[in-house]
């Protein structure tokens, strides 16, 4: 018998179901959507409490998403696709709460308008110094893109 904390079980593969029957897990997760299964497994047993989303606008938007202070997503994308990306991440993480911070730089109006049309609440925050904030400086060797760094700082912005 194999032991583990969390097992993500297959829904439709008989061979894997036989194997999972020989695994003793504290929790077993069965989900059709692999993204939902992944986040349920990572944040077991309480789930995601808070998403912190930072958006650095520009010709393309950088987005950084923390789930309970764990960086779970970074991406550069078309600014008009931000509402659907946010709806998707909320759906797969199923957080209790979320906040969205948009940088006040050039292009914020495009993101703000698209979020308003979708009824998604957000805060516009100052961008000055976002890539020089102390917690972001530590990541410079790992995350080289300045727009992603700014989005990460915006996600972690506290008033």
C-alpha atoms as a PDB file:
ATOM      1  CA  UNK A   1       0.000   0.000   0.000  1.00  0.00           C
ATOM      2  CA  UNK A   2       1.345   3.427  -0.971  1.00  0.00           C
ATOM      3  CA  UNK A   3       0.727   6.432   1.301  1.00  0.00           C
ATOM      4  CA  UNK A   4       0.235  10.099   0.346  1.00  0.00           C
ATOM      5  CA  UNK A   5      -1.456  13.247   1.570  1.00  0.00           C
ATOM      6  CA  UNK A   6      -3.566  14.053  -1.493  1.00  0.00           C
ATOM      7  CA  UNK A   7      -4.374  11.873  -4.481  1.00  0.00           C
ATOM      8  CA  UNK A   8      -5.913  13.276  -7.648  1.00  0.00           C
ATOM      9  CA  UNK A   9      -7.873  10.352  -9.024  1.00  0.00           C
ATOM     10  CA  UNK A  10      -8.717   9.814 -12.669  1.00  0.00           C
ATOM     11  CA  UNK A  11     -12.357   9.916 -13.663  1.00  0.00           C
ATOM     12  CA  UNK A  12     -12.359   7.607 -16.630  1.00  0.00           C
ATOM     13  CA  UNK A  13      -9.217   5.461 -16.850  1.00  0.00           C
ATOM     14  CA  UNK A  14      -9.827   1.954 -15.461  1.00  0.00           C
ATOM     15  CA  UNK A  15      -6.109   1.071 -15.227  1.00  0.00           C
ATOM     16  CA  UNK A  16      -5.374   4.154 -13.137  1.00  0.00           C
ATOM     17  CA  UNK A  17      -8.465   3.589 -10.990  1.00  0.00           C
ATOM     18  CA  UNK A  18      -7.122   0.147 -10.039  1.00  0.00           C
ATOM     19  CA  UNK A  19      -3.784   1.717  -9.101  1.00  0.00           C
ATOM     20  CA  UNK A  20      -5.420   4.497  -7.070  1.00  0.00           C
ATOM     21  CA  UNK A  21      -7.348   1.870  -5.092  1.00  0.00           C
ATOM     22  CA  UNK A  22      -3.951   0.691  -3.763  1.00  0.00           C
ATOM     23  CA  UNK A  23      -3.009   4.170  -2.553  1.00  0.00           C
ATOM     24  CA  UNK A  24      -3.928   5.278   0.949  1.00  0.00           C
ATOM     25  CA  UNK A  25      -4.472   9.039   0.845  1.00  0.00           C
ATOM     26  CA  UNK A  26      -5.719  11.482   3.458  1.00  0.00           C
ATOM     27  CA  UNK A  27      -7.772  13.091   0.684  1.00  0.00           C
ATOM     28  CA  UNK A  28      -8.845  11.967  -2.768  1.00  0.00           C
ATOM     29  CA  UNK A  29      -9.821  14.505  -5.390  1.00  0.00           C
ATOM     30  CA  UNK A  30     -11.920  13.622  -8.416  1.00  0.00           C
ATOM     31  CA  UNK A  31     -12.482  16.461 -10.847  1.00  0.00           C
ATOM     32  CA  UNK A  32     -13.170  16.553 -14.552  1.00  0.00           C
ATOM     33  CA  UNK A  33     -11.223  19.805 -15.018  1.00  0.00           C
ATOM     34  CA  UNK A  34      -7.501  19.149 -14.440  1.00  0.00           C
ATOM     35  CA  UNK A  35      -6.871  22.776 -13.400  1.00  0.00           C
ATOM     36  CA  UNK A  36      -9.527  22.610 -10.687  1.00  0.00           C
ATOM     37  CA  UNK A  37      -8.078  19.284  -9.520  1.00  0.00           C
ATOM     38  CA  UNK A  38      -4.580  20.771  -9.409  1.00  0.00           C
ATOM     39  CA  UNK A  39      -5.585  23.764  -7.276  1.00  0.00           C
ATOM     40  CA  UNK A  40      -7.724  21.633  -4.975  1.00  0.00           C
ATOM     41  CA  UNK A  41      -4.719  19.355  -4.419  1.00  0.00           C
ATOM     42  CA  UNK A  42      -2.235  22.183  -3.852  1.00  0.00           C
ATOM     43  CA  UNK A  43      -4.473  24.063  -1.438  1.00  0.00           C
ATOM     44  CA  UNK A  44      -6.009  21.078   0.337  1.00  0.00           C
ATOM     45  CA  UNK A  45      -7.769  21.014   2.785  1.00  0.00           C
ATOM     46  CA  UNK A  46      -9.036  24.616   3.018  1.00  0.00           C
ATOM     47  CA  UNK A  47      -8.831  25.755  -0.599  1.00  0.00           C
ATOM     48  CA  UNK A  48      -7.651  29.118  -1.835  1.00  0.00           C
ATOM     49  CA  UNK A  49      -8.549  31.850   0.622  1.00  0.00           C
ATOM     50  CA  UNK A  50      -7.466  34.905  -1.385  1.00  0.00           C
ATOM     51  CA  UNK A  51      -6.316  35.636  -4.899  1.00  0.00           C
ATOM     52  CA  UNK A  52      -4.154  38.720  -5.379  1.00  0.00           C
ATOM     53  CA  UNK A  53      -4.080  39.768  -9.022  1.00  0.00           C
ATOM     54  CA  UNK A  54      -1.757  42.431 -10.417  1.00  0.00           C
ATOM     55  CA  UNK A  55      -2.044  43.841 -13.919  1.00  0.00           C
ATOM     56  CA  UNK A  56       0.655  45.978 -15.529  1.00  0.00           C
ATOM     57  CA  UNK A  57      -0.992  47.653 -18.537  1.00  0.00           C
ATOM     58  CA  UNK A  58       0.784  48.680 -21.704  1.00  0.00           C
ATOM     59  CA  UNK A  59       0.754  47.646 -25.360  1.00  0.00           C
ATOM     60  CA  UNK A  60       0.277  44.167 -23.894  1.00  0.00           C
ATOM     61  CA  UNK A  61      -0.723  43.490 -20.307  1.00  0.00           C
ATOM     62  CA  UNK A  62       1.369  41.568 -17.833  1.00  0.00           C
ATOM     63  CA  UNK A  63      -0.638  39.702 -15.231  1.00  0.00           C
ATOM     64  CA  UNK A  64       0.591  38.064 -12.031  1.00  0.00           C
ATOM     65  CA  UNK A  65      -1.629  36.025  -9.745  1.00  0.00           C
ATOM     66  CA  UNK A  66      -0.900  34.922  -6.197  1.00  0.00           C
ATOM     67  CA  UNK A  67      -3.093  32.410  -4.397  1.00  0.00           C
ATOM     68  CA  UNK A  68      -2.562  32.776  -0.660  1.00  0.00           C
ATOM     69  CA  UNK A  69       0.823  34.422  -1.344  1.00  0.00           C
ATOM     70  CA  UNK A  70       1.991  31.626  -3.666  1.00  0.00           C
ATOM     71  CA  UNK A  71       2.705  32.845  -7.182  1.00  0.00           C
ATOM     72  CA  UNK A  72       0.539  30.605  -9.378  1.00  0.00           C
ATOM     73  CA  UNK A  73       0.369  32.448 -12.698  1.00  0.00           C
ATOM     74  CA  UNK A  74       2.309  34.992 -14.760  1.00  0.00           C
ATOM     75  CA  UNK A  75       1.608  35.895 -18.346  1.00  0.00           C
ATOM     76  CA  UNK A  76       1.766  38.655 -20.945  1.00  0.00           C
ATOM     77  CA  UNK A  77      -1.394  38.866 -22.986  1.00  0.00           C
ATOM     78  CA  UNK A  78      -3.671  41.149 -24.963  1.00  0.00           C
ATOM     79  CA  UNK A  79      -5.241  43.602 -22.516  1.00  0.00           C
ATOM     80  CA  UNK A  80      -8.754  42.915 -23.779  1.00  0.00           C
ATOM     81  CA  UNK A  81      -8.418  39.225 -22.798  1.00  0.00           C
ATOM     82  CA  UNK A  82      -7.837  40.082 -19.127  1.00  0.00           C
ATOM     83  CA  UNK A  83     -11.497  39.717 -17.992  1.00  0.00           C
ATOM     84  CA  UNK A  84     -11.801  36.204 -19.433  1.00  0.00           C
ATOM     85  CA  UNK A  85      -8.426  35.237 -17.908  1.00  0.00           C
ATOM     86  CA  UNK A  86      -9.559  36.525 -14.502  1.00  0.00           C
ATOM     87  CA  UNK A  87     -12.912  34.718 -14.735  1.00  0.00           C
ATOM     88  CA  UNK A  88     -11.050  31.516 -15.662  1.00  0.00           C
ATOM     89  CA  UNK A  89      -8.563  31.715 -12.753  1.00  0.00           C
ATOM     90  CA  UNK A  90     -11.376  32.487 -10.305  1.00  0.00           C
ATOM     91  CA  UNK A  91     -13.288  29.465 -11.621  1.00  0.00           C
ATOM     92  CA  UNK A  92     -10.378  27.040 -11.306  1.00  0.00           C
ATOM     93  CA  UNK A  93      -9.040  28.272  -7.957  1.00  0.00           C
ATOM     94  CA  UNK A  94     -12.451  28.912  -6.374  1.00  0.00           C
ATOM     95  CA  UNK A  95     -11.114  31.477  -3.881  1.00  0.00           C
ATOM     96  CA  UNK A  96     -13.071  32.785  -0.925  1.00  0.00           C
ATOM     97  CA  UNK A  97     -11.973  36.328  -1.855  1.00  0.00           C
ATOM     98  CA  UNK A  98      -9.949  38.157  -4.484  1.00  0.00           C
ATOM     99  CA  UNK A  99      -8.474  41.573  -5.161  1.00  0.00           C
ATOM    100  CA  UNK A 100      -7.337  43.050  -8.453  1.00  0.00           C
ATOM    101  CA  UNK A 101      -4.804  45.880  -8.686  1.00  0.00           C
ATOM    102  CA  UNK A 102      -4.250  47.628 -12.005  1.00  0.00           C
ATOM    103  CA  UNK A 103      -1.195  49.813 -12.497  1.00  0.00           C
ATOM    104  CA  UNK A 104      -1.913  53.456 -13.271  1.00  0.00           C
ATOM    105  CA  UNK A 105       0.402  53.540 -16.285  1.00  0.00           C
ATOM    106  CA  UNK A 106      -0.336  53.974 -19.952  1.00  0.00           C
ATOM    107  CA  UNK A 107      -3.128  51.709 -21.156  1.00  0.00           C
ATOM    108  CA  UNK A 108      -4.856  51.198 -17.805  1.00  0.00           C
ATOM    109  CA  UNK A 109      -8.092  52.609 -19.267  1.00  0.00           C
ATOM    110  CA  UNK A 110      -8.436  49.708 -21.737  1.00  0.00           C
ATOM    111  CA  UNK A 111      -8.162  47.147 -18.937  1.00  0.00           C
ATOM    112  CA  UNK A 112     -10.389  49.155 -16.597  1.00  0.00           C
ATOM    113  CA  UNK A 113     -13.131  49.518 -19.220  1.00  0.00           C
ATOM    114  CA  UNK A 114     -13.098  45.812 -20.073  1.00  0.00           C
ATOM    115  CA  UNK A 115     -13.280  44.843 -16.388  1.00  0.00           C
ATOM    116  CA  UNK A 116     -16.096  47.337 -15.752  1.00  0.00           C
ATOM    117  CA  UNK A 117     -18.088  45.886 -18.675  1.00  0.00           C
ATOM    118  CA  UNK A 118     -17.764  42.453 -17.056  1.00  0.00           C
ATOM    119  CA  UNK A 119     -18.711  43.728 -13.586  1.00  0.00           C
ATOM    120  CA  UNK A 120     -15.321  42.831 -12.099  1.00  0.00           C
ATOM    121  CA  UNK A 121     -14.193  45.098  -9.236  1.00  0.00           C
ATOM    122  CA  UNK A 122     -10.618  46.423  -9.178  1.00  0.00           C
ATOM    123  CA  UNK A 123      -8.387  49.136  -7.750  1.00  0.00           C
ATOM    124  CA  UNK A 124      -6.071  51.402  -9.725  1.00  0.00           C
ATOM    125  CA  UNK A 125      -2.760  51.757  -7.896  1.00  0.00           C
ATOM    126  CA  UNK A 126       0.361  53.848  -8.545  1.00  0.00           C
ATOM    127  CA  UNK A 127       2.993  52.110 -10.642  1.00  0.00           C
ATOM    128  CA  UNK A 128       5.959  54.217  -9.578  1.00  0.00           C
ATOM    129  CA  UNK A 129       8.771  52.001  -8.347  1.00  0.00           C
ATOM    130  CA  UNK A 130       6.936  48.695  -8.790  1.00  0.00           C
ATOM    131  CA  UNK A 131       9.964  46.914 -10.248  1.00  0.00           C
ATOM    132  CA  UNK A 132      12.253  48.326  -7.526  1.00  0.00           C
ATOM    133  CA  UNK A 133      10.242  47.152  -4.511  1.00  0.00           C
ATOM    134  CA  UNK A 134      12.279  45.011  -2.142  1.00  0.00           C
ATOM    135  CA  UNK A 135      10.386  41.724  -2.521  1.00  0.00           C
ATOM    136  CA  UNK A 136      10.618  42.011  -6.319  1.00  0.00           C
ATOM    137  CA  UNK A 137      14.346  42.768  -6.287  1.00  0.00           C
ATOM    138  CA  UNK A 138      14.937  39.289  -4.854  1.00  0.00           C
ATOM    139  CA  UNK A 139      13.351  37.741  -7.955  1.00  0.00           C
ATOM    140  CA  UNK A 140      15.379  39.627 -10.562  1.00  0.00           C
ATOM    141  CA  UNK A 141      17.575  36.611 -11.314  1.00  0.00           C
ATOM    142  CA  UNK A 142      14.509  34.399 -11.772  1.00  0.00           C
ATOM    143  CA  UNK A 143      11.970  36.721 -13.405  1.00  0.00           C
ATOM    144  CA  UNK A 144      13.739  38.957 -15.903  1.00  0.00           C
ATOM    145  CA  UNK A 145      10.750  40.604 -17.581  1.00  0.00           C
ATOM    146  CA  UNK A 146      10.180  44.074 -16.085  1.00  0.00           C
ATOM    147  CA  UNK A 147       6.471  44.056 -16.951  1.00  0.00           C
ATOM    148  CA  UNK A 148       5.955  40.737 -15.141  1.00  0.00           C
ATOM    149  CA  UNK A 149       7.953  42.092 -12.179  1.00  0.00           C
ATOM    150  CA  UNK A 150       5.684  45.139 -12.112  1.00  0.00           C
ATOM    151  CA  UNK A 151       2.556  42.953 -12.243  1.00  0.00           C
ATOM    152  CA  UNK A 152       3.926  40.896  -9.350  1.00  0.00           C
ATOM    153  CA  UNK A 153       4.533  44.048  -7.291  1.00  0.00           C
ATOM    154  CA  UNK A 154       1.053  45.351  -8.144  1.00  0.00           C
ATOM    155  CA  UNK A 155      -0.543  42.080  -7.026  1.00  0.00           C
ATOM    156  CA  UNK A 156       1.194  42.425  -3.662  1.00  0.00           C
ATOM    157  CA  UNK A 157       0.416  46.129  -3.277  1.00  0.00           C
ATOM    158  CA  UNK A 158      -1.162  46.984   0.079  1.00  0.00           C
ATOM    159  CA  UNK A 159      -2.515  50.389   0.994  1.00  0.00           C
END
